[in-house]
């Protein structure tokens, strides 16, 4: 079952959020931000969270494009209080 389909089953089990981590290996795992974009397009009741997404293998413009696309599909923010 694709990850997006599994994410959309989370509320059926009584959970309100899901957190995925970014893994560079194995390569057959989908990108976390892309997976969340797909899930956000199908639900509005699940809080989606990820750990720090590594930037070193990606160009900054690609990261910005991914963040903008995810922002268009879901409310994007941080899980911690802003310090600065």
N, C-alpha and C. Protein backbone atom coordinates (compact mmCIF):
# COMPACT_ATOMS: atom_id res chain seq x y z
N UNK A 1 0.85 -1.18 0.00
CA UNK A 1 0.00 0.00 0.00
C UNK A 1 0.90 1.24 0.00
N UNK A 2 0.64 2.20 -0.87
CA UNK A 2 1.45 3.42 -0.91
C UNK A 2 1.38 4.17 0.42
N UNK A 3 2.44 4.90 0.72
CA UNK A 3 2.51 5.65 1.98
C UNK A 3 1.36 6.62 2.14
N UNK A 4 0.96 7.32 1.08
CA UNK A 4 -0.13 8.30 1.18
C UNK A 4 -1.41 7.62 1.65
N UNK A 5 -1.71 6.47 1.13
CA UNK A 5 -2.91 5.73 1.55
C UNK A 5 -2.83 5.35 3.02
N UNK A 6 -1.65 4.97 3.47
CA UNK A 6 -1.47 4.63 4.88
C UNK A 6 -1.65 5.85 5.78
N UNK A 7 -1.13 6.99 5.34
CA UNK A 7 -1.27 8.22 6.12
C UNK A 7 -2.74 8.57 6.29
N UNK A 8 -3.53 8.40 5.26
CA UNK A 8 -4.94 8.75 5.33
C UNK A 8 -5.75 7.79 6.21
N UNK A 9 -5.17 6.67 6.61
CA UNK A 9 -5.83 5.75 7.53
C UNK A 9 -5.57 6.10 9.00
N UNK A 10 -4.66 7.02 9.25
CA UNK A 10 -4.28 7.38 10.62
C UNK A 10 -5.48 7.78 11.49
N UNK A 11 -6.39 8.66 11.02
CA UNK A 11 -7.51 9.04 11.88
C UNK A 11 -8.44 7.87 12.25
N UNK A 12 -8.50 6.86 11.41
CA UNK A 12 -9.35 5.71 11.69
C UNK A 12 -8.87 4.93 12.91
N UNK A 13 -7.60 5.12 13.26
CA UNK A 13 -7.02 4.44 14.42
C UNK A 13 -6.93 5.35 15.64
N UNK A 14 -7.57 6.52 15.57
CA UNK A 14 -7.62 7.42 16.71
C UNK A 14 -6.48 8.41 16.84
N UNK A 15 -5.59 8.47 15.86
CA UNK A 15 -4.48 9.41 15.90
C UNK A 15 -4.83 10.68 15.14
N UNK A 16 -4.22 11.80 15.55
CA UNK A 16 -4.48 13.07 14.87
C UNK A 16 -3.24 13.60 14.15
N UNK A 17 -2.10 12.91 14.32
CA UNK A 17 -0.89 13.38 13.66
C UNK A 17 -0.01 12.20 13.26
N UNK A 18 0.87 12.48 12.34
CA UNK A 18 1.85 11.48 11.91
C UNK A 18 3.16 12.21 11.62
N UNK A 19 4.25 11.56 11.94
CA UNK A 19 5.56 12.12 11.70
C UNK A 19 6.39 11.11 10.92
N UNK A 20 7.00 11.58 9.87
CA UNK A 20 7.89 10.74 9.06
C UNK A 20 9.28 11.35 9.07
N UNK A 21 10.26 10.51 8.96
CA UNK A 21 11.63 11.02 8.88
C UNK A 21 12.15 10.85 7.47
N UNK A 22 13.11 11.66 7.13
CA UNK A 22 13.73 11.57 5.82
C UNK A 22 14.85 10.56 5.89
N UNK A 23 14.81 9.61 5.00
CA UNK A 23 15.86 8.60 4.93
C UNK A 23 16.53 8.67 3.56
N UNK A 24 17.83 8.76 3.56
CA UNK A 24 18.55 8.76 2.30
C UNK A 24 18.66 7.35 1.73
N UNK A 25 18.69 6.36 2.60
CA UNK A 25 18.79 4.97 2.17
C UNK A 25 17.69 4.19 2.85
N UNK A 26 17.07 3.25 2.30
CA UNK A 26 17.23 2.83 0.92
C UNK A 26 16.56 3.80 -0.04
N UNK A 27 17.00 3.77 -1.26
CA UNK A 27 16.52 4.74 -2.24
C UNK A 27 15.11 4.46 -2.73
N UNK A 28 14.53 3.34 -2.36
CA UNK A 28 13.18 3.04 -2.84
C UNK A 28 12.10 3.72 -1.99
N UNK A 29 12.49 4.45 -0.94
CA UNK A 29 11.52 5.19 -0.15
C UNK A 29 11.26 6.55 -0.78
N UNK A 30 10.01 6.99 -0.79
CA UNK A 30 9.70 8.28 -1.40
C UNK A 30 10.17 9.44 -0.54
N UNK A 31 10.31 10.58 -1.16
CA UNK A 31 10.68 11.81 -0.48
C UNK A 31 9.58 12.21 0.51
N UNK A 32 9.96 12.64 1.71
CA UNK A 32 8.99 12.97 2.76
C UNK A 32 8.10 14.14 2.35
N UNK A 33 8.69 15.21 1.83
CA UNK A 33 7.88 16.38 1.48
C UNK A 33 6.90 16.07 0.35
N UNK A 34 7.32 15.28 -0.60
CA UNK A 34 6.42 14.88 -1.68
C UNK A 34 5.30 13.99 -1.16
N UNK A 35 5.63 13.07 -0.26
CA UNK A 35 4.62 12.21 0.36
C UNK A 35 3.61 13.03 1.13
N UNK A 36 4.09 14.00 1.91
CA UNK A 36 3.17 14.87 2.65
C UNK A 36 2.30 15.71 1.73
N UNK A 37 2.84 16.12 0.59
CA UNK A 37 2.03 16.88 -0.37
C UNK A 37 0.86 16.04 -0.85
N UNK A 38 1.11 14.78 -1.15
CA UNK A 38 0.05 13.89 -1.59
C UNK A 38 -0.98 13.66 -0.49
N UNK A 39 -0.51 13.49 0.74
CA UNK A 39 -1.43 13.27 1.86
C UNK A 39 -2.24 14.53 2.15
N UNK A 40 -1.61 15.68 2.10
CA UNK A 40 -2.30 16.94 2.39
C UNK A 40 -3.39 17.23 1.36
N UNK A 41 -3.19 16.77 0.14
CA UNK A 41 -4.19 16.99 -0.89
C UNK A 41 -5.44 16.14 -0.64
N UNK A 42 -5.31 15.09 0.17
CA UNK A 42 -6.43 14.17 0.39
C UNK A 42 -7.08 14.30 1.76
N UNK A 43 -6.48 15.06 2.67
CA UNK A 43 -7.04 15.17 4.01
C UNK A 43 -6.73 16.53 4.60
N UNK A 44 -7.55 16.95 5.54
CA UNK A 44 -7.28 18.21 6.24
C UNK A 44 -7.34 18.02 7.74
N UNK A 45 -7.46 16.78 8.21
CA UNK A 45 -7.62 16.54 9.64
C UNK A 45 -6.40 15.90 10.28
N UNK A 46 -5.36 15.63 9.52
CA UNK A 46 -4.16 15.01 10.06
C UNK A 46 -3.05 16.05 10.12
N UNK A 47 -2.40 16.16 11.28
CA UNK A 47 -1.22 17.00 11.39
C UNK A 47 -0.03 16.20 10.88
N UNK A 48 0.73 16.80 10.00
CA UNK A 48 1.88 16.12 9.39
C UNK A 48 3.17 16.74 9.93
N UNK A 49 4.09 15.90 10.31
CA UNK A 49 5.36 16.39 10.84
C UNK A 49 6.54 15.61 10.30
N UNK A 50 7.65 16.28 10.18
CA UNK A 50 8.88 15.63 9.73
C UNK A 50 10.04 16.16 10.54
N UNK A 51 11.06 15.37 10.64
CA UNK A 51 12.27 15.86 11.27
C UNK A 51 12.98 16.76 10.26
N UNK A 52 14.16 17.15 10.59
CA UNK A 52 14.89 18.05 9.70
C UNK A 52 15.14 17.35 8.37
N UNK A 53 14.80 18.03 7.30
CA UNK A 53 15.02 17.49 5.95
C UNK A 53 16.40 17.96 5.49
N UNK A 54 17.28 17.04 5.12
CA UNK A 54 18.63 17.45 4.72
C UNK A 54 18.61 18.30 3.45
N UNK A 55 19.40 19.33 3.47
CA UNK A 55 19.45 20.24 2.32
C UNK A 55 20.67 20.00 1.43
N UNK A 56 21.67 19.32 1.94
CA UNK A 56 22.91 19.18 1.17
C UNK A 56 22.75 18.50 -0.18
N UNK A 57 21.83 17.53 -0.38
CA UNK A 57 21.75 16.93 -1.71
C UNK A 57 20.82 17.68 -2.66
N UNK A 58 20.24 18.79 -2.20
CA UNK A 58 19.25 19.51 -3.00
C UNK A 58 19.66 20.95 -3.19
N UNK A 59 19.33 21.46 -4.34
CA UNK A 59 19.56 22.88 -4.60
C UNK A 59 18.55 23.69 -3.80
N UNK A 60 18.94 24.84 -3.27
CA UNK A 60 18.01 25.65 -2.48
C UNK A 60 16.72 26.01 -3.22
N UNK A 61 16.78 26.21 -4.51
CA UNK A 61 15.57 26.52 -5.27
C UNK A 61 14.61 25.34 -5.32
N UNK A 62 15.15 24.14 -5.37
CA UNK A 62 14.30 22.94 -5.36
C UNK A 62 13.60 22.83 -4.01
N UNK A 63 14.34 23.06 -2.92
CA UNK A 63 13.73 23.04 -1.60
C UNK A 63 12.63 24.09 -1.48
N UNK A 64 12.89 25.28 -2.00
CA UNK A 64 11.89 26.35 -1.95
C UNK A 64 10.64 25.98 -2.77
N UNK A 65 10.84 25.36 -3.92
CA UNK A 65 9.70 24.93 -4.73
C UNK A 65 8.88 23.87 -4.01
N UNK A 66 9.54 22.92 -3.38
CA UNK A 66 8.82 21.89 -2.64
C UNK A 66 8.05 22.50 -1.47
N UNK A 67 8.67 23.40 -0.75
CA UNK A 67 8.01 24.03 0.39
C UNK A 67 6.81 24.85 -0.07
N UNK A 68 6.93 25.55 -1.18
CA UNK A 68 5.82 26.34 -1.71
C UNK A 68 4.67 25.45 -2.15
N UNK A 69 4.98 24.35 -2.81
CA UNK A 69 3.92 23.42 -3.23
C UNK A 69 3.22 22.82 -2.02
N UNK A 70 3.97 22.43 -1.01
CA UNK A 70 3.36 21.88 0.20
C UNK A 70 2.54 22.94 0.93
N UNK A 71 3.01 24.17 0.93
CA UNK A 71 2.27 25.26 1.56
C UNK A 71 0.94 25.48 0.87
N UNK A 72 0.90 25.34 -0.44
CA UNK A 72 -0.35 25.51 -1.19
C UNK A 72 -1.36 24.42 -0.85
N UNK A 73 -0.89 23.26 -0.46
CA UNK A 73 -1.78 22.14 -0.17
C UNK A 73 -2.14 22.01 1.30
N UNK A 74 -1.30 22.53 2.17
CA UNK A 74 -1.53 22.36 3.61
C UNK A 74 -1.00 23.57 4.35
N UNK A 75 -1.49 23.74 5.56
CA UNK A 75 -0.98 24.81 6.42
C UNK A 75 0.38 24.36 6.91
N UNK A 76 1.39 25.12 6.60
CA UNK A 76 2.76 24.74 6.93
C UNK A 76 3.28 25.64 8.04
N UNK A 77 3.96 25.05 8.98
CA UNK A 77 4.56 25.81 10.06
C UNK A 77 5.57 24.96 10.80
N UNK A 78 6.00 25.47 11.94
CA UNK A 78 6.96 24.72 12.75
C UNK A 78 6.26 24.18 13.98
N UNK A 79 6.86 23.20 14.59
CA UNK A 79 6.28 22.59 15.78
C UNK A 79 6.79 23.21 17.06
N UNK A 80 7.71 24.16 16.93
CA UNK A 80 8.29 24.79 18.11
C UNK A 80 8.00 26.28 18.10
N UNK A 81 8.05 26.89 19.28
CA UNK A 81 7.84 28.32 19.41
C UNK A 81 9.01 29.06 18.76
N UNK A 82 8.69 30.07 18.02
CA UNK A 82 9.73 30.85 17.36
C UNK A 82 10.62 31.53 18.39
N UNK A 83 11.91 31.41 18.24
CA UNK A 83 12.85 31.96 19.20
C UNK A 83 13.40 33.31 18.78
N UNK A 84 13.42 33.55 17.50
CA UNK A 84 14.01 34.80 16.99
C UNK A 84 12.94 35.63 16.31
